[in-house]
Protein backbone atom coordinates (compact mmCIF):
# COMPACT_ATOMS: atom_id res chain seq x y z
CA MET A 1 83.44 55.02 130.80
CA LYS A 2 86.97 55.07 132.18
CA ASN A 3 88.18 57.12 129.22
CA LEU A 4 85.29 59.54 129.71
CA ASN A 5 86.23 60.11 133.36
CA GLN A 6 89.85 60.65 132.40
CA LYS A 7 88.78 63.21 129.82
CA LYS A 8 86.65 65.06 132.38
CA ASN A 9 89.49 65.06 134.91
CA LEU A 10 91.84 66.46 132.29
CA GLN A 11 89.37 69.22 131.47
CA ILE A 12 89.04 70.08 135.16
CA LEU A 13 92.82 70.16 135.51
CA LEU A 14 93.16 72.50 132.52
CA VAL A 15 90.52 74.84 133.94
CA VAL A 16 92.31 74.93 137.30
CA LEU A 17 95.68 75.60 135.64
CA LEU A 18 94.16 78.34 133.49
CA PHE A 19 92.68 79.94 136.60
CA PHE A 20 96.08 80.10 138.26
CA VAL A 21 97.72 81.50 135.13
CA ILE A 22 95.28 84.32 134.48
CA ASN A 23 94.37 85.18 138.07
CA PRO A 24 96.62 88.07 139.22
CA LEU A 25 96.50 86.78 142.78
CA PHE A 26 98.53 83.76 141.70
CA ALA A 27 100.78 85.44 139.11
CA GLN A 28 104.49 85.48 139.83
CA ARG A 29 105.51 88.77 141.42
CA VAL A 30 108.53 90.65 140.05
CA ASN A 31 110.61 92.18 142.82
CA VAL A 32 112.65 95.20 141.72
CA LYS A 33 115.33 96.44 144.13
CA LEU A 34 116.29 100.03 143.31
CA ALA A 35 119.44 101.66 144.75
CA SER A 36 119.57 105.43 145.26
CA LEU A 37 122.32 107.69 146.60
CA VAL A 38 119.70 110.34 147.34
CA PRO A 39 118.35 110.62 150.93
CA GLU A 40 114.71 109.63 151.33
CA ASN A 41 113.72 113.02 152.80
CA THR A 42 114.69 114.92 149.62
CA SER A 43 112.31 115.86 146.81
CA TRP A 44 113.84 113.12 144.64
CA GLY A 45 113.38 110.56 147.41
CA VAL A 46 109.72 111.53 147.76
CA VAL A 47 109.15 111.20 144.01
CA ILE A 48 110.81 107.76 143.91
CA ASN A 49 108.64 106.51 146.79
CA ARG A 50 105.60 107.77 144.94
CA LEU A 51 106.77 105.98 141.79
CA ALA A 52 107.09 102.73 143.74
CA ALA A 53 103.48 103.10 144.92
CA GLU A 54 102.37 103.87 141.36
CA TRP A 55 104.04 100.72 139.98
CA ASP A 56 102.30 98.68 142.66
CA ARG A 57 98.93 100.20 141.72
CA ILE A 58 99.40 99.80 137.96
CA THR A 59 100.36 96.13 138.21
CA GLY A 60 97.97 95.17 141.00
CA GLY A 61 100.95 94.28 143.16
CA GLN A 62 102.65 92.10 140.53
CA VAL A 63 105.67 94.45 140.33
CA LYS A 64 107.09 95.41 143.71
CA LEU A 65 109.59 98.29 143.64
CA THR A 66 111.68 98.49 146.82
CA VAL A 67 113.92 101.54 147.19
CA TYR A 68 117.23 101.54 149.09
CA HIS A 69 117.72 105.23 149.79
CA GLY A 70 120.73 107.24 150.88
CA GLY A 71 123.50 105.10 149.42
CA THR A 72 122.72 102.10 151.63
CA ALA A 73 123.40 99.80 148.66
CA GLY A 74 126.89 101.27 148.16
CA THR A 75 128.69 103.77 145.95
CA GLU A 76 127.79 104.25 142.31
CA SER A 77 130.60 101.97 141.14
CA GLN A 78 129.55 99.30 143.63
CA VAL A 79 125.91 99.61 142.63
CA LEU A 80 126.81 99.28 138.94
CA THR A 81 128.55 95.99 139.70
CA LEU A 82 125.50 94.78 141.62
CA LEU A 83 123.23 95.92 138.80
CA ARG A 84 125.20 94.01 136.19
CA SER A 85 125.05 90.84 138.32
CA ASN A 86 121.31 91.39 139.01
CA GLN A 87 121.81 91.56 142.78
CA ILE A 88 120.33 95.05 142.43
CA ASN A 89 117.77 95.40 139.65
CA ALA A 90 117.58 99.17 139.16
CA ALA A 91 119.47 102.25 140.27
CA ILE A 92 119.70 106.01 140.17
CA PHE A 93 123.00 107.25 138.73
CA THR A 94 124.60 110.67 138.43
CA SER A 95 126.83 111.72 135.52
CA MET A 96 129.79 109.98 137.18
CA GLY A 97 127.98 106.66 137.48
CA LEU A 98 126.63 106.88 133.93
CA ASN A 99 130.14 107.66 132.72
CA ALA A 100 131.23 104.15 133.72
CA ILE A 101 128.73 102.81 131.18
CA ALA A 102 129.09 105.43 128.44
CA ASP A 103 131.83 108.06 128.75
CA GLU A 104 129.80 110.48 126.64
CA PHE A 105 127.79 111.33 129.77
CA MET A 106 130.81 112.84 131.53
CA THR A 107 131.54 114.93 128.44
CA LEU A 108 128.27 116.74 129.15
CA SER A 109 130.00 117.86 132.38
CA TYR A 110 133.10 119.21 130.61
CA PRO A 111 133.85 122.34 132.71
CA PHE A 112 132.18 125.54 131.52
CA LEU A 113 131.11 124.00 128.19
CA VAL A 114 127.32 124.05 128.59
CA ARG A 115 126.46 127.36 130.26
CA ASN A 116 122.73 127.50 131.00
CA ASN A 117 119.42 125.61 130.92
CA GLU A 118 118.57 126.68 127.37
CA GLU A 119 121.85 125.34 126.02
CA LEU A 120 121.53 122.11 127.96
CA ASN A 121 117.98 121.54 126.70
CA GLU A 122 119.16 121.93 123.11
CA VAL A 123 122.10 119.54 123.58
CA LEU A 124 119.88 116.93 125.24
CA ARG A 125 117.20 117.32 122.58
CA GLN A 126 119.70 116.33 119.93
CA LEU A 127 121.88 113.83 121.76
CA LEU A 128 119.93 112.20 124.59
CA PRO A 129 118.11 109.62 122.40
CA GLU A 130 121.49 108.39 121.19
CA LEU A 131 122.82 108.14 124.76
CA ILE A 132 119.77 106.14 125.81
CA GLN A 133 120.40 103.73 122.92
CA LYS A 134 124.00 103.26 124.08
CA LEU A 135 122.78 102.37 127.56
CA GLU A 136 120.33 99.89 126.07
CA ARG A 137 123.07 98.21 124.04
CA ASP A 138 124.97 97.77 127.30
CA GLY A 139 122.04 96.01 128.92
CA PHE A 140 120.06 98.81 130.56
CA ILE A 141 116.65 100.38 130.04
CA THR A 142 116.42 104.09 130.89
CA LEU A 143 113.29 104.62 132.95
CA ALA A 144 113.88 108.34 133.48
CA SER A 145 116.56 110.98 133.03
CA ALA A 146 116.64 114.39 134.63
CA HIS A 147 118.65 117.57 134.91
CA ALA A 148 119.36 117.96 138.61
CA GLY A 149 120.66 121.52 138.66
CA TRP A 150 124.11 123.05 138.27
CA VAL A 151 127.47 122.49 139.90
CA LYS A 152 128.75 125.74 141.48
CA LEU A 153 132.02 126.86 143.01
CA PHE A 154 132.01 127.51 146.78
CA THR A 155 135.04 129.17 148.39
CA LYS A 156 136.13 130.62 151.73
CA THR A 157 137.20 133.91 150.19
CA PRO A 158 135.79 135.94 147.27
CA PHE A 159 137.15 135.37 143.78
CA SER A 160 136.27 136.32 140.22
CA THR A 161 139.13 135.06 138.05
CA PRO A 162 140.65 131.64 137.34
CA ASN A 163 144.00 132.79 138.75
CA GLU A 164 142.36 133.70 142.07
CA LEU A 165 140.86 130.21 142.26
CA ARG A 166 144.23 128.65 141.44
CA ARG A 167 145.62 130.04 144.68
CA MET A 168 143.09 127.96 146.63
CA ARG A 169 143.10 124.24 147.41
CA LEU A 170 140.14 122.91 145.46
CA ALA A 171 138.29 119.77 146.56
CA SER A 172 137.25 117.31 143.88
CA GLY A 173 135.41 114.02 144.35
CA GLY A 174 137.78 111.10 144.79
CA ASP A 175 135.65 109.00 142.42
CA ASP A 176 135.81 111.64 139.66
CA PRO A 177 139.27 111.12 138.11
CA GLN A 178 138.44 112.88 134.84
CA THR A 179 137.51 116.17 136.47
CA ILE A 180 140.49 115.93 138.84
CA GLN A 181 142.83 115.48 135.91
CA ALA A 182 141.16 118.26 133.93
CA PHE A 183 141.50 120.81 136.72
CA ARG A 184 145.10 119.79 137.38
CA ILE A 185 145.98 120.25 133.73
CA MET A 186 144.52 123.76 134.00
CA GLY A 187 146.80 124.49 136.94
CA TYR A 188 144.45 124.18 139.90
CA GLN A 189 145.51 122.77 143.29
CA VAL A 190 143.12 119.83 143.34
CA VAL A 191 142.69 117.78 146.53
CA PRO A 192 140.71 114.52 146.16
CA VAL A 193 138.06 114.52 148.90
CA ASP A 194 135.16 112.15 149.43
CA LEU A 195 131.86 114.01 149.20
CA ASN A 196 130.94 113.18 152.78
CA SER A 197 134.29 114.60 154.00
CA VAL A 198 134.09 118.02 152.33
CA LEU A 199 132.74 119.82 155.39
CA MET A 200 135.39 118.32 157.68
CA SER A 201 138.13 119.17 155.17
CA LEU A 202 136.95 122.78 155.04
CA GLN A 203 136.88 122.98 158.83
CA SER A 204 140.39 121.55 159.18
CA GLY A 205 141.86 123.86 156.55
CA ARG A 206 142.77 121.02 154.22
CA ILE A 207 140.82 122.71 151.41
CA ASP A 208 139.67 126.26 150.66
CA ALA A 209 137.15 125.64 147.90
CA THR A 210 134.92 123.01 146.35
CA TYR A 211 132.47 122.59 143.48
CA LEU A 212 129.12 120.96 144.12
CA SER A 213 125.36 121.32 143.94
CA PRO A 214 123.86 124.25 145.91
CA ILE A 215 121.29 121.77 147.27
CA PHE A 216 124.07 119.69 148.80
CA ALA A 217 125.90 122.81 150.05
CA ALA A 218 122.75 123.96 151.85
CA SER A 219 121.76 120.59 153.29
CA THR A 220 125.26 119.91 154.71
CA GLN A 221 125.92 123.46 155.93
CA ILE A 222 129.07 123.69 153.80
CA PHE A 223 128.22 127.29 152.96
CA GLY A 224 128.75 128.17 156.62
CA ILE A 225 132.49 127.89 155.98
CA ALA A 226 132.76 128.23 152.20
CA GLY A 227 130.40 131.18 152.16
CA GLN A 228 131.24 132.56 148.72
CA MET A 229 129.46 131.18 145.65
CA SER A 230 130.13 132.19 142.07
CA ASN A 231 127.34 132.66 139.57
CA VAL A 232 129.27 130.78 136.88
CA ASN A 233 127.87 127.33 136.10
CA VAL A 234 130.71 124.81 136.22
CA ALA A 235 128.68 121.95 134.71
CA PRO A 236 125.15 120.52 134.58
CA PHE A 237 124.34 117.84 137.13
CA MET A 238 122.55 114.92 135.46
CA GLY A 239 120.75 111.90 136.84
CA ALA A 240 119.02 108.81 135.44
CA ILE A 241 117.09 105.78 136.63
CA LEU A 242 118.20 102.56 134.96
CA ILE A 243 116.84 99.02 135.19
CA ASN A 244 118.74 96.03 133.85
CA GLN A 245 117.19 94.19 130.94
CA VAL A 246 117.14 90.90 132.82
CA THR A 247 114.59 92.34 135.23
CA TRP A 248 112.73 94.37 132.60
CA ARG A 249 112.08 91.22 130.57
CA LYS A 250 110.44 89.58 133.59
CA ILE A 251 107.77 92.30 133.76
CA PRO A 252 104.67 91.40 131.72
CA ASP A 253 104.56 93.40 128.49
CA ARG A 254 101.00 94.56 129.13
CA PHE A 255 102.21 96.66 132.07
CA LYS A 256 105.24 98.28 130.45
CA PRO A 257 103.59 101.24 128.64
CA ALA A 258 101.82 102.37 131.82
CA LEU A 259 104.97 101.86 133.91
CA MET A 260 107.01 103.96 131.47
CA ASP A 261 104.32 106.66 131.52
CA ALA A 262 104.61 106.75 135.31
CA CYS A 263 108.40 107.07 134.99
CA LYS A 264 108.08 109.96 132.54
CA ARG A 265 105.76 111.77 134.95
CA ALA A 266 108.33 111.20 137.68
CA GLU A 267 111.05 112.49 135.34
CA ARG A 268 109.19 115.76 134.77
CA GLU A 269 108.45 116.09 138.46
CA ILE A 270 112.08 115.46 139.43
CA THR A 271 113.37 118.05 136.95
CA THR A 272 110.87 120.66 138.14
CA SER A 273 111.43 119.89 141.82
CA PHE A 274 115.20 120.09 141.47
CA ALA A 275 115.00 123.49 139.81
CA GLN A 276 112.79 124.73 142.64
CA SER A 277 114.92 123.01 145.29
CA GLU A 278 118.07 124.64 143.90
CA ALA A 279 116.46 128.08 143.94
CA ASP A 280 115.14 127.51 147.47
CA ALA A 281 118.57 126.31 148.64
CA ILE A 282 120.30 129.40 147.31
CA ASN A 283 117.69 131.71 148.86
CA THR A 284 118.03 129.93 152.20
CA MET A 285 121.83 130.22 152.13
CA LEU A 286 121.55 133.91 151.24
CA ARG A 287 119.41 134.50 154.32
CA TYR A 288 122.10 132.86 156.45
CA GLY A 289 125.05 134.79 155.08
CA LEU A 290 126.01 133.32 151.70
CA LYS A 291 127.59 135.85 149.33
CA ILE A 292 127.27 135.46 145.58
CA ASN A 293 130.10 136.62 143.34
CA ASP A 294 128.10 138.05 140.46
CA MET A 295 130.53 138.12 137.58
CA THR A 296 130.00 140.50 134.70
CA PRO A 297 129.71 139.13 131.14
CA ALA A 298 133.30 140.21 130.57
CA GLN A 299 134.48 138.33 133.66
CA LEU A 300 132.53 135.23 132.64
CA GLN A 301 134.14 135.38 129.21
CA VAL A 302 137.56 135.11 130.88
CA TRP A 303 136.50 131.70 132.25
CA TYR A 304 135.21 130.59 128.85
CA ASP A 305 138.37 131.76 127.08
CA GLU A 306 140.43 129.96 129.71
CA ILE A 307 138.79 126.59 129.09
CA ASN A 308 139.15 127.07 125.33
CA PHE A 309 142.89 127.61 125.82
CA TYR A 310 143.21 124.14 127.35
CA GLU A 311 140.96 122.41 124.82
CA ASN A 312 143.79 120.55 123.09
CA SER A 313 145.04 119.20 126.43
CA LEU A 314 141.58 118.02 127.50
CA VAL A 315 140.17 116.66 124.24
CA GLY A 316 143.13 116.55 121.88
CA ASN A 317 143.95 113.70 119.55
CA VAL A 318 146.40 112.11 122.01
CA ASN A 319 145.00 110.58 125.23
CA PRO A 320 141.96 112.87 125.60
CA ILE A 321 140.46 113.10 129.08
CA PHE A 322 136.94 113.48 127.72
CA ASN A 323 135.34 111.77 124.72
CA ARG A 324 136.71 113.91 121.88
CA ALA A 325 134.14 113.01 119.21
CA PHE A 326 131.21 113.66 121.52
CA TYR A 327 132.77 116.91 122.77
CA LEU A 328 133.05 118.20 119.21
CA ARG A 329 129.42 117.33 118.54
CA ILE A 330 128.32 119.21 121.67
CA LYS A 331 130.51 122.16 120.74
CA ASN A 332 129.03 122.30 117.22
CA ILE A 333 125.49 122.21 118.60
CA LEU A 334 126.29 125.04 121.01
CA THR A 335 127.99 127.11 118.31
CA GLU A 336 124.91 126.92 116.11
CA PHE A 337 122.56 127.53 119.03
CA ARG A 338 124.46 130.62 120.23
CA ARG A 339 124.67 131.97 116.70
CA GLY A 340 120.90 131.80 116.37
CA ARG A 341 120.10 133.62 119.61
């Protein structure tokens, strides 16, 4: 009789334990802290908030995505350190942040190499899967990647040639040593300036020109001083959402396909919204006095010939600034693509 009671108690205990295991109300919740440099009131910030709500819905609250907007978690280099130590679980990175993981990403931003959306789409079609694999080997899952528009040149006075720009003091991000070095090799007067100090530096006369996203130029009123924008694309501006594998492994496998689908929808929405936001930003700046230096094809070719002249200094066999092997692969893709147009 005693053994029978013990058996019944064991059965009851197993049923109770099984209830707690399979009941989502008692499942262990995975908290994902995501760092973003982007302000919450931007189109990207809105999409990320929506993604957080979607993850909550898909998992019935078992995966909680909390977003730290506007750089509150630190700079990209600081966030990468936190991400590696799992103090932050996911993050949005630009090309500069991704470069610290795989230097091929910064090669995509080699000045004046990729010239338009069509060329960028072809390069990414062929090379992005490989880049995502490199990130995975370093411990990160790519949830989404997006083209976030083009970096443009903004100056106080009109210009159309490289020599005219050389006479100006050109601001470059202090955390972007490769681009600083590249422009200096090409003879430009580069002044390292933190992104948040560009407007003040323009006002004080410390700099005369800068290169950045038209969205940022419009939102910070930089165009009010540097009111000349060229139509030449300096480089594509890329972004990606990464999550470390430590956190990804904690998420139940049954949720992962739906979570990735939600991320891909967010990826498409971010790319589309950035293209529209960039166009809207330029139109807004035009209404408030921005002037665009529309260079002719012949004038644009001068810029392209100029960068080709310095190719050996930037990606030569000795101490290249950019990843030489990846640069050559991009160049070959573009050569074939332009030949077929």
